[in-house]
């Protein structure tokens, strides 16, 4: 995934993380949502990024530090949108 992001191929990042968004494993699900949110921001889709950040922030199984990060990203994306 990171190779695609570094190559600025954000469509591939989103395509490849899509099947992982609802994964049962919290780490996989959280990482996929954060990657896809970042790719959405880079693709000028702030509403989608905000939605994904909100999902991470609301996921009580996700580590608190990533929930906090997602909250900050959601708020700042909303602020600058």
Protein backbone atom coordinates (compact mmCIF):
# COMPACT_ATOMS: atom_id res chain seq x y z
CA UNK A 1 0.00 0.00 0.00
CA UNK A 2 2.70 2.44 0.95
CA UNK A 3 4.44 1.93 -2.38
CA UNK A 4 1.27 3.11 -4.12
CA UNK A 5 0.95 6.07 -1.77
CA UNK A 6 4.57 7.07 -2.34
CA UNK A 7 3.96 6.85 -6.09
CA UNK A 8 0.87 9.05 -5.56
CA UNK A 9 -1.35 6.31 -6.98
CA UNK A 10 -4.14 7.03 -4.53
CA UNK A 11 -6.78 5.22 -6.58
CA UNK A 12 -4.84 1.98 -6.10
CA UNK A 13 -4.48 2.64 -2.38
CA UNK A 14 -8.24 3.05 -2.09
CA UNK A 15 -8.96 -0.02 -4.26
CA UNK A 16 -6.59 -2.25 -2.33
CA UNK A 17 -7.74 -1.14 1.12
CA UNK A 18 -11.48 -1.32 0.31
CA UNK A 19 -11.82 -5.04 1.15
CA UNK A 20 -10.10 -4.45 4.50
CA UNK A 21 -12.35 -1.67 5.80
CA UNK A 22 -14.69 -4.07 7.61
CA UNK A 23 -12.07 -6.66 8.58
CA UNK A 24 -12.66 -8.46 11.87
CA UNK A 25 -9.10 -7.74 13.02
CA UNK A 26 -9.08 -4.31 14.61
CA UNK A 27 -5.54 -3.45 13.54
CA UNK A 28 -6.19 -4.30 9.91
CA UNK A 29 -9.49 -2.44 9.88
CA UNK A 30 -8.04 0.65 11.56
CA UNK A 31 -4.95 0.80 9.34
CA UNK A 32 -7.08 0.38 6.21
CA UNK A 33 -9.42 3.18 7.26
CA UNK A 34 -6.56 5.55 8.05
CA UNK A 35 -4.79 4.77 4.77
CA UNK A 36 -7.96 5.21 2.79
CA UNK A 37 -8.77 8.46 4.58
CA UNK A 38 -5.33 9.85 3.73
CA UNK A 39 -5.71 8.74 0.11
CA UNK A 40 -9.14 10.37 -0.02
CA UNK A 41 -7.68 13.65 1.21
CA UNK A 42 -4.96 13.51 -1.43
CA UNK A 43 -7.64 12.77 -4.04
CA UNK A 44 -9.64 15.87 -3.06
CA UNK A 45 -12.38 13.85 -1.35
CA UNK A 46 -12.46 15.44 2.10
CA UNK A 47 -16.00 14.26 2.88
CA UNK A 48 -14.96 10.63 2.44
CA UNK A 49 -11.86 11.22 4.57
CA UNK A 50 -13.95 12.78 7.33
CA UNK A 51 -16.33 9.80 7.25
CA UNK A 52 -13.43 7.35 7.59
CA UNK A 53 -11.77 9.32 10.39
CA UNK A 54 -15.11 9.37 12.23
CA UNK A 55 -15.36 5.58 11.87
CA UNK A 56 -11.94 5.10 13.44
CA UNK A 57 -12.70 7.58 16.22
CA UNK A 58 -15.94 5.74 17.04
CA UNK A 59 -14.41 2.24 16.93
CA UNK A 60 -14.11 1.31 20.61
CA UNK A 61 -11.90 -1.67 19.73
CA UNK A 62 -9.29 0.55 18.07
CA UNK A 63 -6.33 1.68 20.19
CA UNK A 64 -7.08 4.95 21.97
CA UNK A 65 -4.07 6.71 20.44
CA UNK A 66 -5.36 5.98 16.91
CA UNK A 67 -8.88 7.00 17.89
CA UNK A 68 -7.45 10.29 19.17
CA UNK A 69 -5.43 10.75 15.99
CA UNK A 70 -8.53 10.11 13.89
CA UNK A 71 -10.50 12.65 15.93
CA UNK A 72 -7.81 15.29 15.36
CA UNK A 73 -7.66 14.54 11.64
CA UNK A 74 -11.47 14.66 11.38
CA UNK A 75 -11.66 18.02 13.15
CA UNK A 76 -8.81 19.60 11.19
CA UNK A 77 -10.16 18.32 7.87
CA UNK A 78 -13.57 19.75 8.72
CA UNK A 79 -11.97 23.02 9.83
CA UNK A 80 -10.08 23.57 6.59
CA UNK A 81 -12.79 22.23 4.32
